[in-house]
C-alpha atoms as a PDB file:
ATOM      1  CA  MET A   1      39.441 116.723  33.016  1.00  0.00           C
ATOM      2  CA  LEU A   2      42.677 118.441  33.883  1.00  0.00           C
ATOM      3  CA  LEU A   3      41.141 120.220  37.138  1.00  0.00           C
ATOM      4  CA  VAL A   4      39.963 116.785  38.105  1.00  0.00           C
ATOM      5  CA  GLN A   5      43.537 115.301  37.907  1.00  0.00           C
ATOM      6  CA  GLU A   6      45.040 118.085  39.729  1.00  0.00           C
ATOM      7  CA  LYS A   7      42.297 117.872  42.483  1.00  0.00           C
ATOM      8  CA  THR A   8      42.922 114.166  42.648  1.00  0.00           C
ATOM      9  CA  ALA A   9      46.684 114.726  43.126  1.00  0.00           C
ATOM     10  CA  THR A  10      46.096 117.387  45.793  1.00  0.00           C
ATOM     11  CA  GLU A  11      43.912 115.154  47.877  1.00  0.00           C
ATOM     12  CA  THR A  12      46.466 112.386  47.536  1.00  0.00           C
ATOM     13  CA  VAL A  13      49.230 114.578  48.904  1.00  0.00           C
ATOM     14  CA  VAL A  14      47.031 115.980  51.420  1.00  0.00           C
ATOM     15  CA  ALA A  15      46.080 112.360  52.634  1.00  0.00           C
ATOM     16  CA  ALA A  16      49.534 111.238  52.605  1.00  0.00           C
ATOM     17  CA  VAL A  17      50.589 114.083  54.835  1.00  0.00           C
ATOM     18  CA  GLU A  18      47.576 113.523  57.138  1.00  0.00           C
ATOM     19  CA  ASN A  19      48.371 110.028  57.313  1.00  0.00           C
ATOM     20  CA  TYR A  20      52.039 110.544  58.135  1.00  0.00           C
ATOM     21  CA  TYR A  21      51.085 113.235  60.780  1.00  0.00           C
ATOM     22  CA  GLU A  22      48.759 110.843  62.439  1.00  0.00           C
ATOM     23  CA  GLU A  23      51.376 108.001  62.705  1.00  0.00           C
ATOM     24  CA  PHE A  24      53.701 110.516  63.844  1.00  0.00           C
ATOM     25  CA  LEU A  25      51.342 111.639  66.828  1.00  0.00           C
ATOM     26  CA  ILE A  26      51.018 107.642  67.548  1.00  0.00           C
ATOM     27  CA  VAL A  27      54.858 107.045  67.541  1.00  0.00           C
ATOM     28  CA  LEU A  28      55.517 110.445  69.103  1.00  0.00           C
ATOM     29  CA  PRO A  29      55.182 109.212  72.847  1.00  0.00           C
ATOM     30  CA  ARG A  30      57.297 106.253  71.925  1.00  0.00           C
ATOM     31  CA  ILE A  31      59.966 108.528  70.413  1.00  0.00           C
ATOM     32  CA  ALA A  32      59.954 110.882  73.658  1.00  0.00           C
ATOM     33  CA  LEU A  33      60.008 107.834  75.745  1.00  0.00           C
ATOM     34  CA  ALA A  34      63.169 106.670  73.875  1.00  0.00           C
ATOM     35  CA  ILE A  35      64.730 109.934  74.124  1.00  0.00           C
ATOM     36  CA  PHE A  36      64.137 109.982  77.897  1.00  0.00           C
ATOM     37  CA  ILE A  37      65.692 106.503  78.004  1.00  0.00           C
ATOM     38  CA  VAL A  38      68.901 107.493  76.446  1.00  0.00           C
ATOM     39  CA  VAL A  39      69.220 110.757  78.548  1.00  0.00           C
ATOM     40  CA  ALA A  40      68.198 108.686  81.743  1.00  0.00           C
ATOM     41  CA  GLY A  41      70.487 105.843  80.949  1.00  0.00           C
ATOM     42  CA  ILE A  42      73.483 108.098  80.350  1.00  0.00           C
ATOM     43  CA  LEU A  43      72.797 109.869  83.691  1.00  0.00           C
ATOM     44  CA  ILE A  44      72.468 106.540  85.496  1.00  0.00           C
ATOM     45  CA  ALA A  45      75.398 105.214  83.909  1.00  0.00           C
ATOM     46  CA  GLN A  46      77.382 108.293  85.381  1.00  0.00           C
ATOM     47  CA  VAL A  47      76.124 107.815  88.839  1.00  0.00           C
ATOM     48  CA  ILE A  48      76.828 104.334  88.917  1.00  0.00           C
ATOM     49  CA  THR A  49      80.203 104.829  87.608  1.00  0.00           C
ATOM     50  CA  ASN A  50      81.050 107.468  90.088  1.00  0.00           C
ATOM     51  CA  LEU A  51      79.400 105.252  93.087  1.00  0.00           C
ATOM     52  CA  PHE A  52      81.693 102.282  91.663  1.00  0.00           C
ATOM     53  CA  LYS A  53      84.854 104.610  91.707  1.00  0.00           C
ATOM     54  CA  ARG A  54      84.348 106.135  95.234  1.00  0.00           C
ATOM     55  CA  ARG A  55      83.534 102.397  96.682  1.00  0.00           C
ATOM     56  CA  PHE A  56      85.605 100.327  94.775  1.00  0.00           C
ATOM     57  CA  LEU A  57      88.711 102.789  94.634  1.00  0.00           C
ATOM     58  CA  ASN A  58      88.683 103.028  98.397  1.00  0.00           C
ATOM     59  CA  LYS A  59      88.901  99.411  99.014  1.00  0.00           C
ATOM     60  CA  ALA A  60      90.884  98.344  95.760  1.00  0.00           C
ATOM     61  CA  GLU A  61      94.464  97.385  95.997  1.00  0.00           C
ATOM     62  CA  ASP A  62      94.737  98.214  92.199  1.00  0.00           C
ATOM     63  CA  PRO A  63      93.251 101.825  91.298  1.00  0.00           C
ATOM     64  CA  LEU A  64      94.456 101.581  87.913  1.00  0.00           C
ATOM     65  CA  MET A  65      92.367  98.623  87.323  1.00  0.00           C
ATOM     66  CA  ALA A  66      89.514 100.287  89.336  1.00  0.00           C
ATOM     67  CA  ARG A  67      89.315 103.424  86.866  1.00  0.00           C
ATOM     68  CA  PHE A  68      89.809 101.287  83.810  1.00  0.00           C
ATOM     69  CA  LEU A  69      86.756  99.116  84.855  1.00  0.00           C
ATOM     70  CA  ALA A  70      84.777 102.134  85.648  1.00  0.00           C
ATOM     71  CA  GLN A  71      85.283 103.660  82.308  1.00  0.00           C
ATOM     72  CA  ALA A  72      84.360 100.236  80.740  1.00  0.00           C
ATOM     73  CA  LEU A  73      81.364 100.088  82.683  1.00  0.00           C
ATOM     74  CA  LYS A  74      80.213 103.418  81.685  1.00  0.00           C
ATOM     75  CA  ILE A  75      80.357 102.488  78.114  1.00  0.00           C
ATOM     76  CA  ILE A  76      78.610  99.401  78.265  1.00  0.00           C
ATOM     77  CA  LEU A  77      75.627 100.832  80.390  1.00  0.00           C
ATOM     78  CA  SER A  78      75.358 103.915  77.766  1.00  0.00           C
ATOM     79  CA  LEU A  79      75.220 101.676  74.742  1.00  0.00           C
ATOM     80  CA  ILE A  80      72.541  99.395  76.584  1.00  0.00           C
ATOM     81  CA  ALA A  81      70.656 102.402  77.248  1.00  0.00           C
ATOM     82  CA  ILE A  82      70.730 103.468  73.531  1.00  0.00           C
ATOM     83  CA  MET A  83      69.875  99.928  72.273  1.00  0.00           C
ATOM     84  CA  VAL A  84      66.796  99.743  74.729  1.00  0.00           C
ATOM     85  CA  ALA A  85      65.714 103.168  73.424  1.00  0.00           C
ATOM     86  CA  LEU A  86      65.616 102.136  69.982  1.00  0.00           C
ATOM     87  CA  ASP A  87      63.543  99.114  70.683  1.00  0.00           C
ATOM     88  CA  VAL A  88      61.065 100.891  72.787  1.00  0.00           C
ATOM     89  CA  ALA A  89      60.910 103.357  70.116  1.00  0.00           C
ATOM     90  CA  GLY A  90      59.819 100.594  67.718  1.00  0.00           C
ATOM     91  CA  LEU A  91      63.193 100.775  65.822  1.00  0.00           C
ATOM     92  CA  SER A  92      64.654  97.258  66.837  1.00  0.00           C
ATOM     93  CA  GLY A  93      65.295  96.767  63.239  1.00  0.00           C
ATOM     94  CA  ILE A  94      67.462  99.828  63.294  1.00  0.00           C
ATOM     95  CA  ALA A  95      69.159  98.629  66.363  1.00  0.00           C
ATOM     96  CA  THR A  96      70.021  95.158  64.635  1.00  0.00           C
ATOM     97  CA  GLY A  97      70.998  97.025  61.448  1.00  0.00           C
ATOM     98  CA  ILE A  98      73.545  99.152  63.669  1.00  0.00           C
ATOM     99  CA  LEU A  99      74.797  96.131  65.256  1.00  0.00           C
ATOM    100  CA  THR A 100      75.373  94.631  61.779  1.00  0.00           C
ATOM    101  CA  ALA A 101      76.899  97.674  60.463  1.00  0.00           C
ATOM    102  CA  ALA A 102      79.340  98.221  63.461  1.00  0.00           C
ATOM    103  CA  GLY A 103      80.515  94.907  63.212  1.00  0.00           C
ATOM    104  CA  GLY A 104      81.362  95.441  59.295  1.00  0.00           C
ATOM    105  CA  ALA A 105      82.726  98.890  60.165  1.00  0.00           C
ATOM    106  CA  ALA A 106      84.929  97.657  62.972  1.00  0.00           C
ATOM    107  CA  ILE A 107      86.581  95.363  60.332  1.00  0.00           C
ATOM    108  CA  ILE A 108      87.214  98.090  57.855  1.00  0.00           C
ATOM    109  CA  LEU A 109      88.061 100.538  60.660  1.00  0.00           C
ATOM    110  CA  GLY A 110      90.432  97.946  61.988  1.00  0.00           C
ATOM    111  CA  PHE A 111      92.578  97.976  59.110  1.00  0.00           C
ATOM    112  CA  ALA A 112      92.219 101.836  58.475  1.00  0.00           C
ATOM    113  CA  PHE A 113      93.111 102.550  62.299  1.00  0.00           C
ATOM    114  CA  GLN A 114      95.396  99.624  63.014  1.00  0.00           C
ATOM    115  CA  ASP A 115      97.371 101.678  65.723  1.00  0.00           C
ATOM    116  CA  ILE A 116      94.079 103.007  67.597  1.00  0.00           C
ATOM    117  CA  GLY A 117      92.921  99.228  67.678  1.00  0.00           C
ATOM    118  CA  LYS A 118      96.064  97.995  68.762  1.00  0.00           C
ATOM    119  CA  ASN A 119      96.428 100.566  71.638  1.00  0.00           C
ATOM    120  CA  PHE A 120      92.888  99.870  72.546  1.00  0.00           C
ATOM    121  CA  LEU A 121      93.450  96.047  72.872  1.00  0.00           C
ATOM    122  CA  ALA A 122      97.038  96.705  74.646  1.00  0.00           C
ATOM    123  CA  GLY A 123      94.974  98.803  77.273  1.00  0.00           C
ATOM    124  CA  ILE A 124      92.524  95.972  77.870  1.00  0.00           C
ATOM    125  CA  ILE A 125      95.399  93.483  78.589  1.00  0.00           C
ATOM    126  CA  LEU A 126      97.231  96.027  80.574  1.00  0.00           C
ATOM    127  CA  ALA A 127      94.105  96.437  82.739  1.00  0.00           C
ATOM    128  CA  PHE A 128      94.198  92.768  83.792  1.00  0.00           C
ATOM    129  CA  ASN A 129      98.016  92.105  83.517  1.00  0.00           C
ATOM    130  CA  ARG A 130     100.731  94.643  83.739  1.00  0.00           C
ATOM    131  CA  PRO A 131     103.929  95.194  85.380  1.00  0.00           C
ATOM    132  CA  PHE A 132     103.329  98.463  87.382  1.00  0.00           C
ATOM    133  CA  ASN A 133     100.740 100.208  89.559  1.00  0.00           C
ATOM    134  CA  ILE A 134      99.671 103.837  90.001  1.00  0.00           C
ATOM    135  CA  ASN A 135     102.374 106.214  91.450  1.00  0.00           C
ATOM    136  CA  ASP A 136     105.123 103.332  90.485  1.00  0.00           C
ATOM    137  CA  THR A 137     108.199 105.140  88.915  1.00  0.00           C
ATOM    138  CA  ILE A 138     108.825 103.410  85.592  1.00  0.00           C
ATOM    139  CA  MET A 139     110.899 103.646  82.458  1.00  0.00           C
ATOM    140  CA  VAL A 140     109.284 102.713  78.882  1.00  0.00           C
ATOM    141  CA  ASP A 141     111.871 103.240  76.224  1.00  0.00           C
ATOM    142  CA  THR A 142     113.320 106.442  76.957  1.00  0.00           C
ATOM    143  CA  HIS A 143     110.419 107.667  79.009  1.00  0.00           C
ATOM    144  CA  PHE A 144     110.977 107.852  82.621  1.00  0.00           C
ATOM    145  CA  GLY A 145     108.565 108.861  85.281  1.00  0.00           C
ATOM    146  CA  LYS A 146     105.625 108.152  87.818  1.00  0.00           C
ATOM    147  CA  VAL A 147     102.639 106.434  86.471  1.00  0.00           C
ATOM    148  CA  LYS A 148      99.514 108.735  86.957  1.00  0.00           C
ATOM    149  CA  ALA A 149      96.941 106.825  84.863  1.00  0.00           C
ATOM    150  CA  LEU A 150      95.764 103.980  82.500  1.00  0.00           C
ATOM    151  CA  ASN A 151      93.522 104.753  79.744  1.00  0.00           C
ATOM    152  CA  PHE A 152      92.144 102.624  76.764  1.00  0.00           C
ATOM    153  CA  ARG A 153      94.602 104.038  74.504  1.00  0.00           C
ATOM    154  CA  TYR A 154      97.408 105.345  76.449  1.00  0.00           C
ATOM    155  CA  THR A 155      99.517 105.292  79.737  1.00  0.00           C
ATOM    156  CA  HIS A 156      99.837 108.783  81.338  1.00  0.00           C
ATOM    157  CA  VAL A 157     103.302 109.267  83.038  1.00  0.00           C
ATOM    158  CA  LYS A 158     104.534 112.234  85.056  1.00  0.00           C
ATOM    159  CA  THR A 159     108.222 112.983  84.552  1.00  0.00           C
ATOM    160  CA  THR A 160     110.532 114.162  87.465  1.00  0.00           C
ATOM    161  CA  ASP A 161     110.943 117.455  85.572  1.00  0.00           C
ATOM    162  CA  GLY A 162     107.236 117.971  85.380  1.00  0.00           C
ATOM    163  CA  ARG A 163     106.230 116.814  81.852  1.00  0.00           C
ATOM    164  CA  ASP A 164     103.141 114.674  80.980  1.00  0.00           C
ATOM    165  CA  ILE A 165     104.030 111.934  78.732  1.00  0.00           C
ATOM    166  CA  TYR A 166     101.238 109.777  77.245  1.00  0.00           C
ATOM    167  CA  ILE A 167     102.840 106.619  75.822  1.00  0.00           C
ATOM    168  CA  PRO A 168     100.667 104.344  73.646  1.00  0.00           C
ATOM    169  CA  ASN A 169      99.610 101.208  75.512  1.00  0.00           C
ATOM    170  CA  SER A 170     101.026  99.124  72.639  1.00  0.00           C
ATOM    171  CA  ASP A 171     104.510 100.268  73.343  1.00  0.00           C
ATOM    172  CA  VAL A 172     103.851  99.759  76.980  1.00  0.00           C
ATOM    173  CA  LEU A 173     102.773  96.094  76.208  1.00  0.00           C
ATOM    174  CA  THR A 174     105.610  95.292  73.813  1.00  0.00           C
ATOM    175  CA  LYS A 175     108.553  97.032  74.741  1.00  0.00           C
ATOM    176  CA  PRO A 176     110.637  96.419  78.180  1.00  0.00           C
ATOM    177  CA  VAL A 177     109.256  98.093  81.204  1.00  0.00           C
ATOM    178  CA  GLU A 178     111.579  99.045  84.049  1.00  0.00           C
ATOM    179  CA  ASN A 179     109.741  99.325  87.382  1.00  0.00           C
ATOM    180  CA  TYR A 180     112.082 100.957  89.938  1.00  0.00           C
ATOM    181  CA  THR A 181     109.569 100.709  92.789  1.00  0.00           C
ATOM    182  CA  ALA A 182     107.844  97.292  92.416  1.00  0.00           C
ATOM    183  CA  ASP A 183     109.137  95.795  95.670  1.00  0.00           C
ATOM    184  CA  GLY A 184     109.809  99.205  97.524  1.00  0.00           C
ATOM    185  CA  PHE A 185     113.497  98.866  97.430  1.00  0.00           C
ATOM    186  CA  TYR A 186     116.213 100.329  94.958  1.00  0.00           C
ATOM    187  CA  ARG A 187     120.106 100.092  95.251  1.00  0.00           C
ATOM    188  CA  VAL A 188     121.909 103.309  94.833  1.00  0.00           C
ATOM    189  CA  ASP A 189     125.623 103.458  93.842  1.00  0.00           C
ATOM    190  CA  PHE A 190     128.275 106.140  93.230  1.00  0.00           C
ATOM    191  CA  THR A 191     132.125 106.048  93.056  1.00  0.00           C
ATOM    192  CA  VAL A 192     134.608 107.822  95.312  1.00  0.00           C
ATOM    193  CA  GLY A 193     138.366 108.207  94.326  1.00  0.00           C
ATOM    194  CA  ILE A 194     141.149 108.449  96.811  1.00  0.00           C
ATOM    195  CA  GLY A 195     144.728 108.836  96.370  1.00  0.00           C
ATOM    196  CA  TYR A 196     146.980 105.906  95.833  1.00  0.00           C
ATOM    197  CA  GLU A 197     148.930 107.078  98.935  1.00  0.00           C
ATOM    198  CA  ASP A 198     146.071 106.876 101.229  1.00  0.00           C
ATOM    199  CA  ASP A 199     144.634 103.647 103.165  1.00  0.00           C
ATOM    200  CA  ILE A 200     141.929 102.043 101.383  1.00  0.00           C
ATOM    201  CA  GLU A 201     140.753  99.890 104.377  1.00  0.00           C
ATOM    202  CA  ALA A 202     140.768 103.180 106.577  1.00  0.00           C
ATOM    203  CA  ALA A 203     138.744 104.902 103.981  1.00  0.00           C
ATOM    204  CA  LYS A 204     136.383 101.902 103.509  1.00  0.00           C
ATOM    205  CA  THR A 205     135.748 101.728 107.340  1.00  0.00           C
ATOM    206  CA  ILE A 206     134.747 105.709 107.387  1.00  0.00           C
ATOM    207  CA  ILE A 207     132.280 105.345 104.473  1.00  0.00           C
ATOM    208  CA  GLN A 208     130.725 101.954 105.904  1.00  0.00           C
ATOM    209  CA  GLN A 209     130.281 103.718 109.238  1.00  0.00           C
ATOM    210  CA  ILE A 210     128.259 106.688 107.473  1.00  0.00           C
ATOM    211  CA  LEU A 211     126.051 104.260 105.617  1.00  0.00           C
ATOM    212  CA  ASP A 212     125.386 102.098 108.943  1.00  0.00           C
ATOM    213  CA  SER A 213     124.333 105.251 110.708  1.00  0.00           C
ATOM    214  CA  ASN A 214     122.093 106.777 108.199  1.00  0.00           C
ATOM    215  CA  LYS A 215     118.641 106.142 109.378  1.00  0.00           C
ATOM    216  CA  ASP A 216     117.075 106.724 105.982  1.00  0.00           C
ATOM    217  CA  ILE A 217     119.102 103.982 104.325  1.00  0.00           C
ATOM    218  CA  VAL A 218     117.384 100.217 104.350  1.00  0.00           C
ATOM    219  CA  HIS A 219     119.036  98.252 107.062  1.00  0.00           C
ATOM    220  CA  ASN A 220     117.991  94.335 106.795  1.00  0.00           C
ATOM    221  CA  ASP A 221     119.250  91.063 106.448  1.00  0.00           C
ATOM    222  CA  THR A 222     118.257  90.946 102.636  1.00  0.00           C
ATOM    223  CA  HIS A 223     119.398  94.214 101.409  1.00  0.00           C
ATOM    224  CA  GLU A 224     123.388  94.797 102.155  1.00  0.00           C
ATOM    225  CA  ASN A 225     124.791  98.086 102.244  1.00  0.00           C
ATOM    226  CA  PHE A 226     128.719  98.037 101.525  1.00  0.00           C
ATOM    227  CA  VAL A 227     132.025  99.595 100.037  1.00  0.00           C
ATOM    228  CA  ILE A 228     134.236  97.779  97.577  1.00  0.00           C
ATOM    229  CA  GLU A 229     137.254  98.476  95.672  1.00  0.00           C
ATOM    230  CA  SER A 230     136.136  99.176  92.009  1.00  0.00           C
ATOM    231  CA  GLU A 231     138.998 100.191  89.914  1.00  0.00           C
ATOM    232  CA  LEU A 232     142.799 101.390  89.868  1.00  0.00           C
ATOM    233  CA  ALA A 233     142.259 104.605  87.877  1.00  0.00           C
ATOM    234  CA  ALA A 234     144.963 106.710  86.273  1.00  0.00           C
ATOM    235  CA  SER A 235     145.012 109.185  89.241  1.00  0.00           C
ATOM    236  CA  THR A 236     142.771 107.532  91.980  1.00  0.00           C
ATOM    237  CA  VAL A 237     141.866 104.309  93.557  1.00  0.00           C
ATOM    238  CA  ASN A 238     138.081 104.157  92.961  1.00  0.00           C
ATOM    239  CA  LEU A 239     135.827 102.805  95.525  1.00  0.00           C
ATOM    240  CA  LYS A 240     132.176 101.997  94.813  1.00  0.00           C
ATOM    241  CA  VAL A 241     129.777 102.697  97.439  1.00  0.00           C
ATOM    242  CA  LEU A 242     126.315 100.757  97.343  1.00  0.00           C
ATOM    243  CA  PHE A 243     123.216 100.987  99.497  1.00  0.00           C
ATOM    244  CA  TRP A 244     119.594 100.319  99.339  1.00  0.00           C
ATOM    245  CA  VAL A 245     116.720 102.891  99.764  1.00  0.00           C
ATOM    246  CA  HIS A 246     112.986 102.987 100.179  1.00  0.00           C
ATOM    247  CA  THR A 247     111.411 103.800  96.953  1.00  0.00           C
ATOM    248  CA  ILE A 248     107.858 105.164  98.186  1.00  0.00           C
ATOM    249  CA  ASP A 249     109.226 108.462  97.040  1.00  0.00           C
ATOM    250  CA  TYR A 250     111.699 107.564  94.341  1.00  0.00           C
ATOM    251  CA  ARG A 251     113.043 111.227  93.635  1.00  0.00           C
ATOM    252  CA  LYS A 252     113.984 111.740  97.415  1.00  0.00           C
ATOM    253  CA  ALA A 253     115.411 108.340  97.631  1.00  0.00           C
ATOM    254  CA  SER A 254     117.373 108.159  94.606  1.00  0.00           C
ATOM    255  CA  ARG A 255     118.390 111.623  94.213  1.00  0.00           C
ATOM    256  CA  VAL A 256     118.275 113.763  97.642  1.00  0.00           C
ATOM    257  CA  LEU A 257     119.310 110.993  99.867  1.00  0.00           C
ATOM    258  CA  ARG A 258     122.213 109.955  97.351  1.00  0.00           C
ATOM    259  CA  GLY A 259     123.458 113.725  97.450  1.00  0.00           C
ATOM    260  CA  GLN A 260     123.372 113.832 101.216  1.00  0.00           C
ATOM    261  CA  VAL A 261     125.355 110.723 101.570  1.00  0.00           C
ATOM    262  CA  ILE A 262     128.003 111.856  98.946  1.00  0.00           C
ATOM    263  CA  GLN A 263     128.418 115.239 100.746  1.00  0.00           C
ATOM    264  CA  GLN A 264     128.840 113.296 104.152  1.00  0.00           C
ATOM    265  CA  ILE A 265     131.505 111.184 102.673  1.00  0.00           C
ATOM    266  CA  LYS A 266     133.363 113.955 101.220  1.00  0.00           C
ATOM    267  CA  VAL A 267     133.437 115.809 104.374  1.00  0.00           C
ATOM    268  CA  ALA A 268     134.480 112.793 106.480  1.00  0.00           C
ATOM    269  CA  LEU A 269     137.338 111.824 104.011  1.00  0.00           C
ATOM    270  CA  ASP A 270     138.638 115.553 104.069  1.00  0.00           C
ATOM    271  CA  THR A 271     138.467 115.710 107.788  1.00  0.00           C
ATOM    272  CA  ASN A 272     140.373 112.417 108.145  1.00  0.00           C
ATOM    273  CA  GLY A 273     143.372 113.720 105.782  1.00  0.00           C
ATOM    274  CA  PHE A 274     142.330 111.643 102.656  1.00  0.00           C
ATOM    275  CA  ASN A 275     143.168 112.850  99.142  1.00  0.00           C
ATOM    276  CA  LEU A 276     140.545 113.322  96.608  1.00  0.00           C
ATOM    277  CA  PRO A 277     142.865 113.977  93.631  1.00  0.00           C
ATOM    278  CA  ALA A 278     141.611 115.178  90.388  1.00  0.00           C
ATOM    279  CA  ASP A 279     143.026 113.583  87.320  1.00  0.00           C
ATOM    280  CA  VAL A 280     146.921 114.072  87.109  1.00  0.00           C
ATOM    281  CA  LYS A 281     148.542 114.472  83.719  1.00  0.00           C
ATOM    282  CA  GLU A 282     151.942 112.605  83.420  1.00  0.00           C
ATOM    283  CA  ILE A 283     154.714 113.460  81.108  1.00  0.00           C
ATOM    284  CA  LYS A 284     156.482 110.847  80.094  1.00  0.00           C
ATOM    285  CA  LEU A 285     160.174 110.534  78.522  1.00  0.00           C
ATOM    286  CA  TYR A 286     160.842 107.828  76.249  1.00  0.00           C
ATOM    287  CA  ARG A 287     164.428 106.082  76.049  1.00  0.00           C
ATOM    288  CA  ASN A 288     165.711 108.178  73.168  1.00  0.00           C
ATOM    289  CA  VAL A 289     164.712 111.456  74.997  1.00  0.00           C
ATOM    290  CA  GLU A 290     167.169 112.819  77.372  1.00  0.00           C
ATOM    291  CA  ASP A 291     165.273 115.525  78.927  1.00  0.00           C
ATOM    292  CA  ILE A 292     162.366 117.810  78.227  1.00  0.00           C
ATOM    293  CA  PRO A 293     163.149 120.736  75.787  1.00  0.00           C
ATOM    294  CA  LEU A 294     161.889 123.833  77.358  1.00  0.00           C
ATOM    295  CA  ARG A 295     162.243 127.185  76.150  1.00  0.00           C
ATOM    296  CA  LEU A 296     162.148 130.155  78.701  1.00  0.00           C
ATOM    297  CA  ARG A 297     160.309 133.248  77.473  1.00  0.00           C
ATOM    298  CA  LYS A 298     162.230 136.545  78.017  1.00  0.00           C
ATOM    299  CA  ASP A 299     160.796 139.090  80.656  1.00  0.00           C
ATOM    300  CA  PRO A 300     159.150 142.092  78.386  1.00  0.00           C
ATOM    301  CA  ARG A 301     161.930 144.439  80.225  1.00  0.00           C
ATOM    302  CA  ASP A 302     164.571 142.459  78.652  1.00  0.00           C
ATOM    303  CA  TYR A 303     163.238 143.149  75.264  1.00  0.00           C
ATOM    304  CA  LEU A 304     163.146 146.961  76.239  1.00  0.00           C
ATOM    305  CA  GLU A 305     166.943 146.745  77.289  1.00  0.00           C
ATOM    306  CA  ASP A 306     167.934 145.100  74.104  1.00  0.00           C
ATOM    307  CA  ASN A 307     166.199 147.642  72.125  1.00  0.00           C
ATOM    308  CA  ASN A 308     167.710 150.576  74.064  1.00  0.00           C
ATOM    309  CA  ASN A 309     170.940 149.145  73.725  1.00  0.00           C
END
């Protein structure tokens, strides 16, 4: 009796394995086709994305938007390929379950990873509405540099000293953004101090001539370059020099050109006999002080003579 039961159990297991094996052989082509669809779908998504990038970037006025849309297109096409593959494999129920689970997981993960979700949504908003374009020079909070890329989670900025800063999109969206190159013009200013005894109008004329003759400075009716009295400082009469530059290359315009103009003005004022005094220290005598109490220090030789005597 025991042998009959063991034989029956063995036959049941063998029959079940054979049944599953036969079903696996039937489903195997569909599984292989599903794997092929996933691989092919991802490759096709990559090809379409690259084609979109090449053609759209060449014609697009907004490279950041083009790159952002290309990333989104690749993700969407890849997800479509995976869902089609599951349906082909006869796992449409699993696909539905995955979508349902993804919805629930999105809510849970939304609370667990609020910063990531916030940056992702901010990236989508910035892709369609933002205060800068690629290669614009911006400042966000204390970060200053040139925009290189906009991704789903961060904005890539290259600083003037060569550092790569990745600013979370939520900061870019919620904090003030200073764009130094939005309209292509930027006003540079610095201060020049001349002596109180110097002719102010003559100094202003010399500086104005330098500004008017410099070809790298902007000259049009909208952007005026001028010199104005700024301050009566302790030792100098300060003149403020203001002029406009093109910001296609912000570093060259705001740093290099500014230094060249400062050098030209300094040389011109020296040549024409203007004083460029440093800070002058004044010793003031009040009414109850008749003179400055000074004590003369003896020459060391006097000490030797006194000792010899």
